[in-house]
């Protein structure tokens, strides 16, 4: 199984879960709740496929996962793009896809910070997001950025971009993590609870 297929298969498993993340801006400030879920269309953003604009990538974002699982889209095909293994955006799409295999591990990590994201023109980025997660894989020391934006149609947030931290630093308004709970098939598992969170 190639890297792209592994990332897609792992993402399908992740679709069975959602995360409840409760954060605070400080004492006497109202708590904020991020309900994070995963749908097929998110995978296009997670893999960064829009950057490979010199090869034919299906426009139907919901259908991307099926194309990958059928083998129609694979590592070999993506490698035909001059942007696949090119670090002109600070990291390569190849590297981004490799990291995407471990998305669940990043989200489950104890090394996990949340901030309110602001559009950062200094970084020449157009990422439109509400929150920025900064986390590390449990088994490595590699840092990863995950950008979240509210889904307009419901009470959930989705991932709009994610990639390994390299030379470009992103930041936002600091928030304190109060609770991180993972719900899989309706069963909750607390990954973190702040002593002051009741």
Protein backbone atom coordinates (compact mmCIF):
# COMPACT_ATOMS: atom_id res chain seq x y z
CA UNK A 1 0.00 0.00 0.00
CA UNK A 2 1.48 3.38 -0.95
CA UNK A 3 1.64 6.45 1.30
CA UNK A 4 -1.39 8.12 -0.26
CA UNK A 5 -3.53 5.00 0.25
CA UNK A 6 -2.38 4.67 3.86
CA UNK A 7 -3.31 8.29 4.52
CA UNK A 8 -6.77 7.77 2.96
CA UNK A 9 -7.42 4.51 4.84
CA UNK A 10 -6.35 6.06 8.15
CA UNK A 11 -8.58 9.05 7.46
CA UNK A 12 -11.57 6.74 6.84
CA UNK A 13 -10.98 5.25 10.28
CA UNK A 14 -10.76 8.74 11.76
CA UNK A 15 -14.18 9.59 10.30
CA UNK A 16 -15.66 7.31 13.00
CA UNK A 17 -14.37 9.72 15.65
CA UNK A 18 -14.85 13.30 16.68
CA UNK A 19 -13.07 15.47 19.24
CA UNK A 20 -14.50 17.82 21.84
CA UNK A 21 -11.91 20.44 22.76
CA UNK A 22 -12.75 22.95 25.50
CA UNK A 23 -10.47 25.97 25.85
CA UNK A 24 -10.26 29.13 27.95
CA UNK A 25 -8.84 32.58 27.26
CA UNK A 26 -8.13 33.00 30.98
CA UNK A 27 -9.72 33.46 34.38
CA UNK A 28 -13.35 34.62 34.34
CA UNK A 29 -13.47 34.33 30.54
CA UNK A 30 -16.20 32.23 28.90
CA UNK A 31 -15.15 28.77 27.77
CA UNK A 32 -14.99 27.99 24.05
CA UNK A 33 -15.85 24.55 22.67
CA UNK A 34 -14.46 23.13 19.44
CA UNK A 35 -16.34 20.10 18.14
CA UNK A 36 -14.08 18.65 15.46
CA UNK A 37 -15.31 16.04 12.99
CA UNK A 38 -14.11 14.60 9.70
CA UNK A 39 -15.86 14.23 6.33
CA UNK A 40 -14.62 12.95 2.97
CA UNK A 41 -14.17 16.45 1.53
CA UNK A 42 -11.61 17.33 4.24
CA UNK A 43 -9.04 14.92 2.83
CA UNK A 44 -8.38 17.18 -0.18
CA UNK A 45 -7.32 19.99 2.21
CA UNK A 46 -5.37 17.70 4.51
CA UNK A 47 -3.27 16.29 1.65
CA UNK A 48 -2.70 19.69 0.02
CA UNK A 49 -3.74 18.41 -3.41
CA UNK A 50 -4.72 21.90 -4.61
CA UNK A 51 -0.98 22.74 -4.78
CA UNK A 52 -0.46 20.12 -7.49
CA UNK A 53 -2.08 22.25 -10.17
CA UNK A 54 0.08 20.98 -13.04
CA UNK A 55 -1.52 17.50 -13.06
CA UNK A 56 -5.14 16.41 -13.33
CA UNK A 57 -6.65 16.09 -9.85
CA UNK A 58 -10.43 15.45 -9.76
CA UNK A 59 -12.40 18.59 -8.91
CA UNK A 60 -14.98 16.61 -6.92
CA UNK A 61 -13.47 16.80 -3.45
CA UNK A 62 -15.93 14.28 -2.04
CA UNK A 63 -14.82 11.78 -4.70
CA UNK A 64 -11.08 12.13 -3.99
CA UNK A 65 -11.08 9.39 -1.36
CA UNK A 66 -12.65 6.89 -3.78
CA UNK A 67 -10.08 7.72 -6.48
CA UNK A 68 -7.26 7.08 -4.00
CA UNK A 69 -8.70 3.81 -2.67
CA UNK A 70 -9.28 2.53 -6.22
CA UNK A 71 -5.63 3.24 -7.07
CA UNK A 72 -6.52 5.81 -9.73
CA UNK A 73 -4.70 8.44 -7.65
CA UNK A 74 -1.44 7.15 -6.19
CA UNK A 75 2.05 8.24 -5.15
CA UNK A 76 3.46 7.50 -8.58
CA UNK A 77 0.89 9.69 -10.35
CA UNK A 78 1.33 12.59 -7.89
CA UNK A 79 5.12 12.42 -8.30
CA UNK A 80 4.63 13.58 -11.91
CA UNK A 81 3.87 17.05 -10.56
CA UNK A 82 6.85 19.38 -10.27
CA UNK A 83 5.38 20.57 -6.94
CA UNK A 84 5.13 17.12 -5.32
CA UNK A 85 8.66 16.96 -3.90
CA UNK A 86 9.36 20.69 -4.10
CA UNK A 87 9.71 22.75 -0.92
CA UNK A 88 8.80 26.11 -2.49
CA UNK A 89 5.91 26.51 -0.01
CA UNK A 90 8.09 25.63 3.00
CA UNK A 91 7.53 21.86 2.85
CA UNK A 92 6.82 19.36 0.09
CA UNK A 93 3.39 17.88 -0.66
CA UNK A 94 5.06 14.48 -0.49
CA UNK A 95 6.05 15.25 3.10
CA UNK A 96 2.57 16.59 3.86
CA UNK A 97 0.99 13.32 2.66
CA UNK A 98 3.47 11.31 4.74
CA UNK A 99 2.46 13.30 7.85
CA UNK A 100 -1.25 12.89 7.03
CA UNK A 101 -0.93 9.17 7.72
CA UNK A 102 -0.46 10.09 11.38
CA UNK A 103 -3.18 12.73 11.76
CA UNK A 104 -4.91 10.81 14.55
CA UNK A 105 -1.63 10.43 16.43
CA UNK A 106 -1.07 14.20 16.24
CA UNK A 107 -4.59 14.90 17.51
CA UNK A 108 -4.24 12.41 20.38
CA UNK A 109 -0.85 13.80 21.43
CA UNK A 110 -0.18 15.11 24.94
CA UNK A 111 1.96 17.84 23.35
CA UNK A 112 -1.03 19.83 22.10
CA UNK A 113 -1.69 23.60 22.06
CA UNK A 114 -4.62 25.66 20.78
CA UNK A 115 -4.70 29.30 19.72
CA UNK A 116 -7.17 31.59 18.01
CA UNK A 117 -5.77 32.02 14.52
CA UNK A 118 -5.42 35.34 12.71
CA UNK A 119 -4.66 35.71 9.01
CA UNK A 120 -0.92 36.31 8.80
CA UNK A 121 0.15 38.30 5.77
CA UNK A 122 3.78 38.21 6.95
CA UNK A 123 3.85 34.50 6.11
CA UNK A 124 2.30 35.09 2.68
CA UNK A 125 -0.47 32.67 3.57
CA UNK A 126 -4.13 32.89 2.67
CA UNK A 127 -5.27 30.21 5.11
CA UNK A 128 -8.67 31.24 6.46
CA UNK A 129 -9.11 29.54 9.83
CA UNK A 130 -10.62 30.09 13.26
CA UNK A 131 -8.19 28.04 15.35
CA UNK A 132 -4.65 26.74 15.06
CA UNK A 133 -3.58 23.50 16.72
CA UNK A 134 0.12 22.89 17.27
CA UNK A 135 0.96 19.30 18.22
CA UNK A 136 3.66 16.66 18.10
CA UNK A 137 3.50 13.00 17.23
CA UNK A 138 3.70 10.72 20.22
CA UNK A 139 6.47 8.59 18.67
CA UNK A 140 8.61 11.45 17.30
CA UNK A 141 9.49 15.03 18.11
CA UNK A 142 8.01 16.36 14.86
CA UNK A 143 5.75 19.39 15.21
CA UNK A 144 2.63 19.80 13.09
CA UNK A 145 0.20 22.64 12.38
CA UNK A 146 -3.53 21.92 12.01
CA UNK A 147 -5.85 24.76 10.99
CA UNK A 148 -9.57 24.53 11.86
CA UNK A 149 -12.53 26.46 10.50
CA UNK A 150 -16.18 26.38 11.48
CA UNK A 151 -18.45 24.43 9.16
CA UNK A 152 -21.23 26.83 8.25
CA UNK A 153 -23.95 24.18 8.09
CA UNK A 154 -23.62 22.78 11.63
CA UNK A 155 -21.93 23.13 15.03
CA UNK A 156 -18.71 21.41 13.97
CA UNK A 157 -15.27 22.49 12.87
CA UNK A 158 -13.24 20.87 10.11
CA UNK A 159 -9.59 20.83 9.07
CA UNK A 160 -8.85 23.34 6.30
CA UNK A 161 -5.08 22.86 6.20
CA UNK A 162 -2.32 20.99 7.99
CA UNK A 163 1.38 20.52 7.42
CA UNK A 164 4.67 19.96 9.26
CA UNK A 165 6.22 22.90 11.05
CA UNK A 166 9.39 23.96 9.29
CA UNK A 167 10.93 27.42 8.90
CA UNK A 168 7.68 29.39 8.95
CA UNK A 169 6.08 30.07 12.33
CA UNK A 170 2.33 30.58 12.75
CA UNK A 171 0.74 31.96 15.88
CA UNK A 172 -2.49 33.21 17.39
CA UNK A 173 -4.22 34.30 20.58
CA UNK A 174 -3.18 31.87 23.33
CA UNK A 175 -5.84 29.58 24.77
CA UNK A 176 -5.61 27.20 27.72
CA UNK A 177 -6.67 23.62 27.12
CA UNK A 178 -9.32 22.57 29.64
CA UNK A 179 -10.63 19.35 28.11
CA UNK A 180 -9.83 17.12 25.16
CA UNK A 181 -12.21 14.23 24.62
CA UNK A 182 -12.25 11.77 21.74
CA UNK A 183 -15.60 10.18 20.89
CA UNK A 184 -15.47 7.06 18.72
CA UNK A 185 -18.66 5.23 17.74
CA UNK A 186 -20.48 7.13 20.50
CA UNK A 187 -18.02 6.17 23.26
CA UNK A 188 -16.09 9.00 24.90
CA UNK A 189 -12.46 8.83 26.02
CA UNK A 190 -10.95 11.76 27.92
CA UNK A 191 -7.45 12.45 26.64
CA UNK A 192 -6.92 15.48 28.87
CA UNK A 193 -8.76 17.27 31.68
CA UNK A 194 -7.41 20.36 33.40
CA UNK A 195 -7.64 20.12 37.21
CA UNK A 196 -9.77 23.30 37.29
CA UNK A 197 -12.25 22.08 34.68
CA UNK A 198 -15.47 20.85 36.29
